[in-house]
Every structure is written in structure tokens, then in C-alpha cells.
Amino acid sequence: MPSPSPVPTNRHHMITRGKAGIFKPRSHHALTILSSNQFFQALLVTKEPKGFKFAAKNPKWLSALDDKILALKRNGTWTLIPRPQSHNVIGCRWIFKVKPCPDGSTERHKARLVAQGFSQVPGLDFGNTFSPVVRPATI
């Protein structure tokens, strides 16, 4: 077992774990999966891109992006207008997911375009909100 590193010396008065000689032991976990469970193996093997640059290199993800853009246009999700000077520009990002079949094979590649709503200001950037979930009181 390796010995802990030497205690650092600083001029400030704060006592840290390193100065007090407190070190957490490193634990190494082994990930094992039964070979009979193909679903979990497929989940580990399938890589989902973290951003557009990585997805644009794969034709399957490009097809998923095209499908989503066409669906957004077909549904009339937004209307493109000139930007008013007093409003913020709301960014967006792509989220990618692989939808597996019960047998572990890949059913399809799914892409979603998500607005970064944390930068919106109520009353300035939006007036109404939309919830796709129906409340029981509405029915």
C-alpha cells in the first residue's frame, strides 16, 4: 500500500484534509455482467454522442437529426421572426438517445432539440408556457 503524500505547508490558517493527514482509500470496483443478459451488454456497448460534432460523423445520427427537423417543421413548432433588440437569444442543444429492443438490438436512434430555458426571463422572453401533460382536473 502506497504511503500518503507528505503534508503540504501553507501560510494560511485553514486546516485541510491533506494537512491533517486524512486520506480516503481508493476503491477499485470491477463491473461484471452475466453473458446471458444481452440487454445490459447492448446498453454498455452503445455509445451516444455528447454533442452535434460527434453525431454529425455518423450517418445513423444524421438521419435521426433530419427526422427531428422535419417533424418540427411539419408540426409548426416555431415561427422564425427577426430578433427584437430587447430580448435574449435562447440557445439550444441536441440530446441523443439509442432506443433498444427487448432483445438488446438497436431499435432506432433518437435525437431531440432542447431549448436552454434557464436563460429565459419571464415576461421578457416568453409570456405563456405550454405543458404537454394533461391534468386530471382538465378532463
Foldseek 3Di string as FASTA:
>chain_A
DDDDDQQDDDDDDDDDCSNVVHDDDDDDDDDDDDPVQLQVVLVVVDDWDPFDVVLVVDPQSVVQVVVAVVVCVVVCVDDDDDDDPQADDWDKTKDKDFDADNNNHTPGIHIDIGTPCVPHDDPRHDDDDDDPDDDPVVD
